[in-house]
């Protein structure tokens, strides 16, 4: 995942694995109702890359964003995966499904 620096260049963002996201949520007392697969891990990393340091100012608000995104009452199961898949299509990034299975 990337974010843009002040000059607009893409710079890599350190991503969090599942254990790191679980620890983030636990430290902040957040329990997810719709915790399917790695959807919440994607949501955490998307938020970190896109919003952290701007509208998301600290770790607690990052954890709250994940809760809001994953447990959105207007959402649906696997919403984060659908977002990820749409992003790969929009960016022209092919997914080798055979390698994933």
PDB file of N, CA and C in Angstrom:
ATOM      1  N   UNK A   1       0.839  -1.164   0.000  1.00  0.00           N
ATOM      2  CA  UNK A   1       0.000   0.000   0.000  1.00  0.00           C
ATOM      3  C   UNK A   1       0.887   1.230   0.000  1.00  0.00           C
ATOM      4  N   UNK A   2       0.337   2.278  -0.570  1.00  0.00           N
ATOM      5  CA  UNK A   2       1.090   3.513  -0.714  1.00  0.00           C
ATOM      6  C   UNK A   2       0.284   4.695  -0.214  1.00  0.00           C
ATOM      7  N   UNK A   3       0.991   5.761   0.104  1.00  0.00           N
ATOM      8  CA  UNK A   3       0.360   7.053   0.315  1.00  0.00           C
ATOM      9  C   UNK A   3       1.210   8.068  -0.412  1.00  0.00           C
ATOM     10  N   UNK A   4       0.685   9.237  -0.627  1.00  0.00           N
ATOM     11  CA  UNK A   4       1.425  10.266  -1.351  1.00  0.00           C
ATOM     12  C   UNK A   4       2.086  11.225  -0.369  1.00  0.00           C
ATOM     13  N   UNK A   5       3.325  11.601  -0.692  1.00  0.00           N
ATOM     14  CA  UNK A   5       4.006  12.591   0.130  1.00  0.00           C
ATOM     15  C   UNK A   5       3.590  13.996  -0.317  1.00  0.00           C
ATOM     16  N   UNK A   6       4.184  15.019   0.263  1.00  0.00           N
ATOM     17  CA  UNK A   6       3.792  16.402  -0.019  1.00  0.00           C
ATOM     18  C   UNK A   6       3.936  16.774  -1.490  1.00  0.00           C
ATOM     19  N   UNK A   7       4.867  16.120  -2.185  1.00  0.00           N
ATOM     20  CA  UNK A   7       5.061  16.434  -3.605  1.00  0.00           C
ATOM     21  C   UNK A   7       4.192  15.570  -4.520  1.00  0.00           C
ATOM     22  N   UNK A   8       3.391  14.675  -3.933  1.00  0.00           N
ATOM     23  CA  UNK A   8       2.502  13.833  -4.725  1.00  0.00           C
ATOM     24  C   UNK A   8       3.104  12.503  -5.138  1.00  0.00           C
ATOM     25  N   UNK A   9       4.337  12.216  -4.717  1.00  0.00           N
ATOM     26  CA  UNK A   9       4.956  10.930  -5.041  1.00  0.00           C
ATOM     27  C   UNK A   9       4.411   9.832  -4.137  1.00  0.00           C
ATOM     28  N   UNK A  10       4.240   8.652  -4.711  1.00  0.00           N
ATOM     29  CA  UNK A  10       3.793   7.506  -3.924  1.00  0.00           C
ATOM     30  C   UNK A  10       4.951   6.980  -3.083  1.00  0.00           C
ATOM     31  N   UNK A  11       4.671   6.772  -1.798  1.00  0.00           N
ATOM     32  CA  UNK A  11       5.661   6.172  -0.913  1.00  0.00           C
ATOM     33  C   UNK A  11       5.021   4.973  -0.229  1.00  0.00           C
ATOM     34  N   UNK A  12       5.788   3.896  -0.024  1.00  0.00           N
ATOM     35  CA  UNK A  12       5.202   2.704   0.598  1.00  0.00           C
ATOM     36  C   UNK A  12       4.850   2.943   2.066  1.00  0.00           C
ATOM     37  N   UNK A  13       3.805   2.281   2.508  1.00  0.00           N
ATOM     38  CA  UNK A  13       3.364   2.343   3.904  1.00  0.00           C
ATOM     39  C   UNK A  13       3.604   0.968   4.512  1.00  0.00           C
ATOM     40  N   UNK A  14       4.179   0.938   5.710  1.00  0.00           N
ATOM     41  CA  UNK A  14       4.349  -0.336   6.401  1.00  0.00           C
ATOM     42  C   UNK A  14       2.975  -0.915   6.690  1.00  0.00           C
ATOM     43  N   UNK A  15       2.736  -2.120   6.206  1.00  0.00           N
ATOM     44  CA  UNK A  15       1.436  -2.738   6.414  1.00  0.00           C
ATOM     45  C   UNK A  15       1.429  -3.547   7.704  1.00  0.00           C
ATOM     46  N   UNK A  16       0.233  -3.780   8.212  1.00  0.00           N
ATOM     47  CA  UNK A  16       0.036  -4.559   9.429  1.00  0.00           C
ATOM     48  C   UNK A  16      -0.482  -5.937   9.043  1.00  0.00           C
ATOM     49  N   UNK A  17       0.088  -6.981   9.643  1.00  0.00           N
ATOM     50  CA  UNK A  17      -0.444  -8.314   9.411  1.00  0.00           C
ATOM     51  C   UNK A  17      -1.633  -8.542  10.350  1.00  0.00           C
ATOM     52  N   UNK A  18      -2.236  -9.715  10.242  1.00  0.00           N
ATOM     53  CA  UNK A  18      -3.445 -10.020  11.024  1.00  0.00           C
ATOM     54  C   UNK A  18      -3.183  -9.895  12.527  1.00  0.00           C
ATOM     55  N   UNK A  19      -2.037 -10.401  12.984  1.00  0.00           N
ATOM     56  CA  UNK A  19      -1.720 -10.319  14.414  1.00  0.00           C
ATOM     57  C   UNK A  19      -1.595  -8.871  14.881  1.00  0.00           C
ATOM     58  N   UNK A  20      -0.994  -8.027  14.057  1.00  0.00           N
ATOM     59  CA  UNK A  20      -0.841  -6.617  14.422  1.00  0.00           C
ATOM     60  C   UNK A  20      -2.195  -5.912  14.484  1.00  0.00           C
ATOM     61  N   UNK A  21      -3.080  -6.226  13.551  1.00  0.00           N
ATOM     62  CA  UNK A  21      -4.411  -5.610  13.570  1.00  0.00           C
ATOM     63  C   UNK A  21      -5.209  -6.121  14.768  1.00  0.00           C
ATOM     64  N   UNK A  22      -5.120  -7.427  15.046  1.00  0.00           N
ATOM     65  CA  UNK A  22      -5.798  -7.969  16.234  1.00  0.00           C
ATOM     66  C   UNK A  22      -5.304  -7.266  17.500  1.00  0.00           C
ATOM     67  N   UNK A  23      -4.001  -7.037  17.596  1.00  0.00           N
ATOM     68  CA  UNK A  23      -3.431  -6.358  18.768  1.00  0.00           C
ATOM     69  C   UNK A  23      -3.920  -4.908  18.839  1.00  0.00           C
ATOM     70  N   UNK A  24      -3.973  -4.224  17.701  1.00  0.00           N
ATOM     71  CA  UNK A  24      -4.481  -2.851  17.638  1.00  0.00           C
ATOM     72  C   UNK A  24      -5.907  -2.784  18.168  1.00  0.00           C
ATOM     73  N   UNK A  25      -6.756  -3.686  17.690  1.00  0.00           N
ATOM     74  CA  UNK A  25      -8.155  -3.695  18.121  1.00  0.00           C
ATOM     75  C   UNK A  25      -8.263  -4.017  19.608  1.00  0.00           C
ATOM     76  N   UNK A  26      -7.499  -4.998  20.060  1.00  0.00           N
ATOM     77  CA  UNK A  26      -7.529  -5.392  21.469  1.00  0.00           C
ATOM     78  C   UNK A  26      -7.080  -4.257  22.388  1.00  0.00           C
ATOM     79  N   UNK A  27      -5.979  -3.592  22.039  1.00  0.00           N
ATOM     80  CA  UNK A  27      -5.464  -2.477  22.849  1.00  0.00           C
ATOM     81  C   UNK A  27      -6.495  -1.362  22.992  1.00  0.00           C
ATOM     82  N   UNK A  28      -7.357  -1.256  22.010  1.00  0.00           N
ATOM     83  CA  UNK A  28      -8.334  -0.173  22.006  1.00  0.00           C
ATOM     84  C   UNK A  28      -9.744  -0.623  22.363  1.00  0.00           C
ATOM     85  N   UNK A  29      -9.862  -1.863  22.848  1.00  0.00           N
ATOM     86  CA  UNK A  29     -11.151  -2.371  23.323  1.00  0.00           C
ATOM     87  C   UNK A  29     -12.201  -2.514  22.241  1.00  0.00           C
ATOM     88  N   UNK A  30     -11.768  -2.807  21.018  1.00  0.00           N
ATOM     89  CA  UNK A  30     -12.695  -2.902  19.886  1.00  0.00           C
ATOM     90  C   UNK A  30     -12.969  -4.363  19.561  1.00  0.00           C
ATOM     91  N   UNK A  31     -14.253  -4.724  19.509  1.00  0.00           N
ATOM     92  CA  UNK A  31     -14.688  -6.058  19.086  1.00  0.00           C
ATOM     93  C   UNK A  31     -15.497  -5.907  17.807  1.00  0.00           C
ATOM     94  N   UNK A  32     -15.162  -6.713  16.809  1.00  0.00           N
ATOM     95  CA  UNK A  32     -15.860  -6.654  15.526  1.00  0.00           C
ATOM     96  C   UNK A  32     -16.943  -7.721  15.465  1.00  0.00           C
ATOM     97  N   UNK A  33     -18.113  -7.323  14.991  1.00  0.00           N
ATOM     98  CA  UNK A  33     -19.209  -8.274  14.812  1.00  0.00           C
ATOM     99  C   UNK A  33     -19.078  -9.016  13.491  1.00  0.00           C
ATOM    100  N   UNK A  34     -18.555  -8.368  12.465  1.00  0.00           N
ATOM    101  CA  UNK A  34     -18.459  -8.955  11.124  1.00  0.00           C
ATOM    102  C   UNK A  34     -17.005  -9.234  10.762  1.00  0.00           C
ATOM    103  N   UNK A  35     -16.365 -10.036  11.575  1.00  0.00           N
ATOM    104  CA  UNK A  35     -14.942 -10.339  11.405  1.00  0.00           C
ATOM    105  C   UNK A  35     -14.803 -11.586  10.534  1.00  0.00           C
ATOM    106  N   UNK A  36     -14.795 -11.370   9.206  1.00  0.00           N
ATOM    107  CA  UNK A  36     -14.691 -12.465   8.253  1.00  0.00           C
ATOM    108  C   UNK A  36     -13.307 -12.465   7.620  1.00  0.00           C
ATOM    109  N   UNK A  37     -12.626 -13.574   7.675  1.00  0.00           N
ATOM    110  CA  UNK A  37     -11.338 -13.709   7.002  1.00  0.00           C
ATOM    111  C   UNK A  37     -10.392 -12.569   7.298  1.00  0.00           C
ATOM    112  N   UNK A  38      -9.868 -11.972   6.253  1.00  0.00           N
ATOM    113  CA  UNK A  38      -8.909 -10.882   6.372  1.00  0.00           C
ATOM    114  C   UNK A  38      -9.514  -9.535   5.981  1.00  0.00           C
ATOM    115  N   UNK A  39     -10.831  -9.448   5.890  1.00  0.00           N
ATOM    116  CA  UNK A  39     -11.470  -8.192   5.495  1.00  0.00           C
ATOM    117  C   UNK A  39     -11.072  -7.036   6.407  1.00  0.00           C
ATOM    118  N   UNK A  40     -11.082  -7.273   7.701  1.00  0.00           N
ATOM    119  CA  UNK A  40     -10.764  -6.206   8.641  1.00  0.00           C
ATOM    120  C   UNK A  40      -9.290  -5.812   8.577  1.00  0.00           C
ATOM    121  N   UNK A  41      -8.433  -6.738   8.185  1.00  0.00           N
ATOM    122  CA  UNK A  41      -7.006  -6.437   8.020  1.00  0.00           C
ATOM    123  C   UNK A  41      -6.832  -5.507   6.816  1.00  0.00           C
ATOM    124  N   UNK A  42      -7.551  -5.792   5.732  1.00  0.00           N
ATOM    125  CA  UNK A  42      -7.535  -4.889   4.581  1.00  0.00           C
ATOM    126  C   UNK A  42      -8.022  -3.503   4.989  1.00  0.00           C
ATOM    127  N   UNK A  43      -9.137  -3.444   5.736  1.00  0.00           N
ATOM    128  CA  UNK A  43      -9.700  -2.154   6.143  1.00  0.00           C
ATOM    129  C   UNK A  43      -8.691  -1.357   6.973  1.00  0.00           C
ATOM    130  N   UNK A  44      -7.997  -2.025   7.866  1.00  0.00           N
ATOM    131  CA  UNK A  44      -7.003  -1.341   8.705  1.00  0.00           C
ATOM    132  C   UNK A  44      -5.862  -0.792   7.861  1.00  0.00           C
ATOM    133  N   UNK A  45      -5.373  -1.582   6.932  1.00  0.00           N
ATOM    134  CA  UNK A  45      -4.259  -1.139   6.099  1.00  0.00           C
ATOM    135  C   UNK A  45      -4.683  -0.066   5.099  1.00  0.00           C
ATOM    136  N   UNK A  46      -5.894  -0.171   4.576  1.00  0.00           N
ATOM    137  CA  UNK A  46      -6.407   0.872   3.690  1.00  0.00           C
ATOM    138  C   UNK A  46      -6.493   2.192   4.446  1.00  0.00           C
ATOM    139  N   UNK A  47      -7.031   2.139   5.649  1.00  0.00           N
ATOM    140  CA  UNK A  47      -7.155   3.345   6.460  1.00  0.00           C
ATOM    141  C   UNK A  47      -5.779   3.917   6.780  1.00  0.00           C
ATOM    142  N   UNK A  48      -4.855   3.059   7.150  1.00  0.00           N
ATOM    143  CA  UNK A  48      -3.506   3.524   7.479  1.00  0.00           C
ATOM    144  C   UNK A  48      -2.859   4.211   6.282  1.00  0.00           C
ATOM    145  N   UNK A  49      -3.020   3.638   5.109  1.00  0.00           N
ATOM    146  CA  UNK A  49      -2.409   4.207   3.903  1.00  0.00           C
ATOM    147  C   UNK A  49      -3.118   5.475   3.439  1.00  0.00           C
ATOM    148  N   UNK A  50      -4.434   5.507   3.540  1.00  0.00           N
ATOM    149  CA  UNK A  50      -5.198   6.605   2.939  1.00  0.00           C
ATOM    150  C   UNK A  50      -5.532   7.753   3.886  1.00  0.00           C
ATOM    151  N   UNK A  51      -5.710   7.465   5.181  1.00  0.00           N
ATOM    152  CA  UNK A  51      -6.241   8.483   6.083  1.00  0.00           C
ATOM    153  C   UNK A  51      -5.387   8.776   7.316  1.00  0.00           C
ATOM    154  N   UNK A  52      -4.505   7.830   7.688  1.00  0.00           N
ATOM    155  CA  UNK A  52      -3.726   8.010   8.918  1.00  0.00           C
ATOM    156  C   UNK A  52      -2.775   9.197   8.770  1.00  0.00           C
ATOM    157  N   UNK A  53      -2.780  10.048   9.762  1.00  0.00           N
ATOM    158  CA  UNK A  53      -1.957  11.246   9.710  1.00  0.00           C
ATOM    159  C   UNK A  53      -2.705  12.435   9.141  1.00  0.00           C
ATOM    160  N   UNK A  54      -3.914  12.199   8.686  1.00  0.00           N
ATOM    161  CA  UNK A  54      -4.755  13.269   8.149  1.00  0.00           C
ATOM    162  C   UNK A  54      -6.045  13.291   8.969  1.00  0.00           C
ATOM    163  N   UNK A  55      -7.110  12.706   8.456  1.00  0.00           N
ATOM    164  CA  UNK A  55      -8.362  12.692   9.211  1.00  0.00           C
ATOM    165  C   UNK A  55      -8.353  11.654  10.336  1.00  0.00           C
ATOM    166  N   UNK A  56      -7.528  10.641  10.226  1.00  0.00           N
ATOM    167  CA  UNK A  56      -7.342   9.654  11.304  1.00  0.00           C
ATOM    168  C   UNK A  56      -6.027  10.015  11.980  1.00  0.00           C
ATOM    169  N   UNK A  57      -6.109  10.560  13.182  1.00  0.00           N
ATOM    170  CA  UNK A  57      -4.939  11.161  13.799  1.00  0.00           C
ATOM    171  C   UNK A  57      -4.166  10.263  14.762  1.00  0.00           C
ATOM    172  N   UNK A  58      -4.767   9.157  15.198  1.00  0.00           N
ATOM    173  CA  UNK A  58      -4.059   8.307  16.149  1.00  0.00           C
ATOM    174  C   UNK A  58      -4.557   6.867  16.039  1.00  0.00           C
ATOM    175  N   UNK A  59      -3.892   5.993  16.794  1.00  0.00           N
ATOM    176  CA  UNK A  59      -4.192   4.565  16.743  1.00  0.00           C
ATOM    177  C   UNK A  59      -5.632   4.246  17.141  1.00  0.00           C
ATOM    178  N   UNK A  60      -6.144   4.907  18.157  1.00  0.00           N
ATOM    179  CA  UNK A  60      -7.523   4.651  18.608  1.00  0.00           C
ATOM    180  C   UNK A  60      -8.516   4.954  17.487  1.00  0.00           C
ATOM    181  N   UNK A  61      -8.334   6.063  16.797  1.00  0.00           N
ATOM    182  CA  UNK A  61      -9.245   6.405  15.707  1.00  0.00           C
ATOM    183  C   UNK A  61      -9.074   5.469  14.512  1.00  0.00           C
ATOM    184  N   UNK A  62      -7.882   4.935  14.324  1.00  0.00           N
ATOM    185  CA  UNK A  62      -7.681   3.912  13.307  1.00  0.00           C
ATOM    186  C   UNK A  62      -8.504   2.675  13.647  1.00  0.00           C
ATOM    187  N   UNK A  63      -8.439   2.246  14.901  1.00  0.00           N
ATOM    188  CA  UNK A  63      -9.222   1.084  15.342  1.00  0.00           C
ATOM    189  C   UNK A  63     -10.722   1.348  15.213  1.00  0.00           C
ATOM    190  N   UNK A  64     -11.162   2.551  15.556  1.00  0.00           N
ATOM    191  CA  UNK A  64     -12.579   2.899  15.434  1.00  0.00           C
ATOM    192  C   UNK A  64     -13.023   2.929  13.973  1.00  0.00           C
ATOM    193  N   UNK A  65     -12.151   3.392  13.082  1.00  0.00           N
ATOM    194  CA  UNK A  65     -12.474   3.363  11.656  1.00  0.00           C
ATOM    195  C   UNK A  65     -12.713   1.932  11.202  1.00  0.00           C
ATOM    196  N   UNK A  66     -11.839   1.008  11.609  1.00  0.00           N
ATOM    197  CA  UNK A  66     -11.991  -0.397  11.222  1.00  0.00           C
ATOM    198  C   UNK A  66     -13.339  -0.913  11.706  1.00  0.00           C
ATOM    199  N   UNK A  67     -13.700  -0.604  12.939  1.00  0.00           N
ATOM    200  CA  UNK A  67     -15.001  -1.016  13.493  1.00  0.00           C
ATOM    201  C   UNK A  67     -16.146  -0.437  12.656  1.00  0.00           C
ATOM    202  N   UNK A  68     -16.078   0.852  12.373  1.00  0.00           N
ATOM    203  CA  UNK A  68     -17.140   1.496  11.589  1.00  0.00           C
ATOM    204  C   UNK A  68     -17.244   0.895  10.190  1.00  0.00           C
ATOM    205  N   UNK A  69     -16.107   0.643   9.566  1.00  0.00           N
ATOM    206  CA  UNK A  69     -16.092   0.140   8.189  1.00  0.00           C
ATOM    207  C   UNK A  69     -16.589  -1.293   8.106  1.00  0.00           C
ATOM    208  N   UNK A  70     -16.104  -2.131   8.993  1.00  0.00           N
ATOM    209  CA  UNK A  70     -16.435  -3.560   8.947  1.00  0.00           C
ATOM    210  C   UNK A  70     -17.841  -3.835   9.474  1.00  0.00           C
ATOM    211  N   UNK A  71     -18.256  -3.119  10.491  1.00  0.00           N
ATOM    212  CA  UNK A  71     -19.566  -3.363  11.103  1.00  0.00           C
ATOM    213  C   UNK A  71     -20.635  -2.361  10.650  1.00  0.00           C
ATOM    214  N   UNK A  72     -20.407  -1.685   9.541  1.00  0.00           N
ATOM    215  CA  UNK A  72     -21.356  -0.702   9.004  1.00  0.00           C
ATOM    216  C   UNK A  72     -22.727  -1.355   8.808  1.00  0.00           C
ATOM    217  N   UNK A  73     -23.768  -0.838   9.458  1.00  0.00           N
ATOM    218  CA  UNK A  73     -25.093  -1.445   9.316  1.00  0.00           C
ATOM    219  C   UNK A  73     -25.649  -1.335   7.897  1.00  0.00           C
ATOM    220  N   UNK A  74     -25.135  -0.412   7.093  1.00  0.00           N
ATOM    221  CA  UNK A  74     -25.567  -0.301   5.699  1.00  0.00           C
ATOM    222  C   UNK A  74     -24.724  -1.162   4.769  1.00  0.00           C
ATOM    223  N   UNK A  75     -23.692  -1.780   5.321  1.00  0.00           N
ATOM    224  CA  UNK A  75     -22.783  -2.600   4.524  1.00  0.00           C
ATOM    225  C   UNK A  75     -23.328  -4.005   4.333  1.00  0.00           C
ATOM    226  N   UNK A  76     -22.449  -4.880   3.963  1.00  0.00           N
ATOM    227  CA  UNK A  76     -22.808  -6.279   3.722  1.00  0.00           C
ATOM    228  C   UNK A  76     -21.572  -7.129   3.987  1.00  0.00           C
ATOM    229  N   UNK A  77     -21.767  -8.440   4.201  1.00  0.00           N
ATOM    230  CA  UNK A  77     -20.608  -9.298   4.449  1.00  0.00           C
ATOM    231  C   UNK A  77     -19.589  -9.190   3.310  1.00  0.00           C
ATOM    232  N   UNK A  78     -18.354  -9.158   3.675  1.00  0.00           N
ATOM    233  CA  UNK A  78     -17.225  -9.065   2.736  1.00  0.00           C
ATOM    234  C   UNK A  78     -17.172  -7.754   1.955  1.00  0.00           C
ATOM    235  N   UNK A  79     -17.748  -6.691   2.472  1.00  0.00           N
ATOM    236  CA  UNK A  79     -17.637  -5.377   1.842  1.00  0.00           C
ATOM    237  C   UNK A  79     -16.170  -4.981   1.609  1.00  0.00           C
ATOM    238  N   UNK A  80     -15.281  -5.154   2.596  1.00  0.00           N
ATOM    239  CA  UNK A  80     -13.883  -4.770   2.342  1.00  0.00           C
ATOM    240  C   UNK A  80     -13.250  -5.554   1.186  1.00  0.00           C
ATOM    241  N   UNK A  81     -13.577  -6.843   1.043  1.00  0.00           N
ATOM    242  CA  UNK A  81     -13.016  -7.602  -0.080  1.00  0.00           C
ATOM    243  C   UNK A  81     -13.529  -7.054  -1.400  1.00  0.00           C
ATOM    244  N   UNK A  82     -14.797  -6.693  -1.451  1.00  0.00           N
ATOM    245  CA  UNK A  82     -15.363  -6.126  -2.666  1.00  0.00           C
ATOM    246  C   UNK A  82     -14.644  -4.826  -3.023  1.00  0.00           C
ATOM    247  N   UNK A  83     -14.349  -4.012  -2.015  1.00  0.00           N
ATOM    248  CA  UNK A  83     -13.601  -2.765  -2.244  1.00  0.00           C
ATOM    249  C   UNK A  83     -12.208  -3.072  -2.779  1.00  0.00           C
ATOM    250  N   UNK A  84     -11.525  -4.037  -2.156  1.00  0.00           N
ATOM    251  CA  UNK A  84     -10.190  -4.431  -2.608  1.00  0.00           C
ATOM    252  C   UNK A  84     -10.227  -4.889  -4.067  1.00  0.00           C
ATOM    253  N   UNK A  85     -11.189  -5.736  -4.393  1.00  0.00           N
ATOM    254  CA  UNK A  85     -11.295  -6.271  -5.747  1.00  0.00           C
ATOM    255  C   UNK A  85     -11.590  -5.154  -6.754  1.00  0.00           C
ATOM    256  N   UNK A  86     -12.483  -4.254  -6.388  1.00  0.00           N
ATOM    257  CA  UNK A  86     -12.789  -3.122  -7.268  1.00  0.00           C
ATOM    258  C   UNK A  86     -11.552  -2.247  -7.478  1.00  0.00           C
ATOM    259  N   UNK A  87     -10.770  -2.056  -6.428  1.00  0.00           N
ATOM    260  CA  UNK A  87      -9.543  -1.258  -6.548  1.00  0.00           C
ATOM    261  C   UNK A  87      -8.549  -1.912  -7.499  1.00  0.00           C
ATOM    262  N   UNK A  88      -8.403  -3.233  -7.424  1.00  0.00           N
ATOM    263  CA  UNK A  88      -7.459  -3.911  -8.327  1.00  0.00           C
ATOM    264  C   UNK A  88      -7.924  -3.790  -9.774  1.00  0.00           C
ATOM    265  N   UNK A  89      -9.208  -3.902  -9.999  1.00  0.00           N
ATOM    266  CA  UNK A  89      -9.747  -3.741 -11.358  1.00  0.00           C
ATOM    267  C   UNK A  89      -9.507  -2.311 -11.844  1.00  0.00           C
ATOM    268  N   UNK A  90      -9.839  -1.345 -11.002  1.00  0.00           N
ATOM    269  CA  UNK A  90      -9.690   0.051 -11.376  1.00  0.00           C
ATOM    270  C   UNK A  90      -8.250   0.452 -11.659  1.00  0.00           C
ATOM    271  N   UNK A  91      -7.307  -0.209 -10.989  1.00  0.00           N
ATOM    272  CA  UNK A  91      -5.893   0.098 -11.184  1.00  0.00           C
ATOM    273  C   UNK A  91      -5.233  -0.812 -12.216  1.00  0.00           C
ATOM    274  N   UNK A  92      -6.003  -1.731 -12.797  1.00  0.00           N
ATOM    275  CA  UNK A  92      -5.458  -2.628 -13.808  1.00  0.00           C
ATOM    276  C   UNK A  92      -4.481  -3.649 -13.250  1.00  0.00           C
ATOM    277  N   UNK A  93      -4.669  -4.036 -11.996  1.00  0.00           N
ATOM    278  CA  UNK A  93      -3.785  -5.013 -11.360  1.00  0.00           C
ATOM    279  C   UNK A  93      -4.424  -6.391 -11.486  1.00  0.00           C
ATOM    280  N   UNK A  94      -3.807  -7.293 -12.240  1.00  0.00           N
ATOM    281  CA  UNK A  94      -4.389  -8.628 -12.371  1.00  0.00           C
ATOM    282  C   UNK A  94      -4.196  -9.451 -11.093  1.00  0.00           C
ATOM    283  N   UNK A  95      -5.161 -10.296 -10.810  1.00  0.00           N
ATOM    284  CA  UNK A  95      -5.053 -11.227  -9.670  1.00  0.00           C
ATOM    285  C   UNK A  95      -4.979 -12.634 -10.240  1.00  0.00           C
ATOM    286  N   UNK A  96      -3.946 -13.351  -9.873  1.00  0.00           N
ATOM    287  CA  UNK A  96      -3.809 -14.742 -10.291  1.00  0.00           C
ATOM    288  C   UNK A  96      -4.589 -15.611  -9.303  1.00  0.00           C
ATOM    289  N   UNK A  97      -5.845 -15.854  -9.623  1.00  0.00           N
ATOM    290  CA  UNK A  97      -6.712 -16.600  -8.703  1.00  0.00           C
ATOM    291  C   UNK A  97      -6.192 -18.004  -8.457  1.00  0.00           C
ATOM    292  N   UNK A  98      -5.546 -18.627  -9.466  1.00  0.00           N
ATOM    293  CA  UNK A  98      -5.004 -19.969  -9.282  1.00  0.00           C
ATOM    294  C   UNK A  98      -3.943 -19.984  -8.187  1.00  0.00           C
ATOM    295  N   UNK A  99      -3.150 -18.910  -8.096  1.00  0.00           N
ATOM    296  CA  UNK A  99      -2.133 -18.823  -7.055  1.00  0.00           C
ATOM    297  C   UNK A  99      -2.758 -18.592  -5.680  1.00  0.00           C
ATOM    298  N   UNK A 100      -3.933 -17.984  -5.646  1.00  0.00           N
ATOM    299  CA  UNK A 100      -4.595 -17.684  -4.382  1.00  0.00           C
ATOM    300  C   UNK A 100      -5.261 -18.916  -3.774  1.00  0.00           C
ATOM    301  N   UNK A 101      -5.645 -19.844  -4.617  1.00  0.00           N
ATOM    302  CA  UNK A 101      -6.386 -21.017  -4.131  1.00  0.00           C
ATOM    303  C   UNK A 101      -5.482 -22.096  -3.747  1.00  0.00           C
TER     304      UNK A 101
END
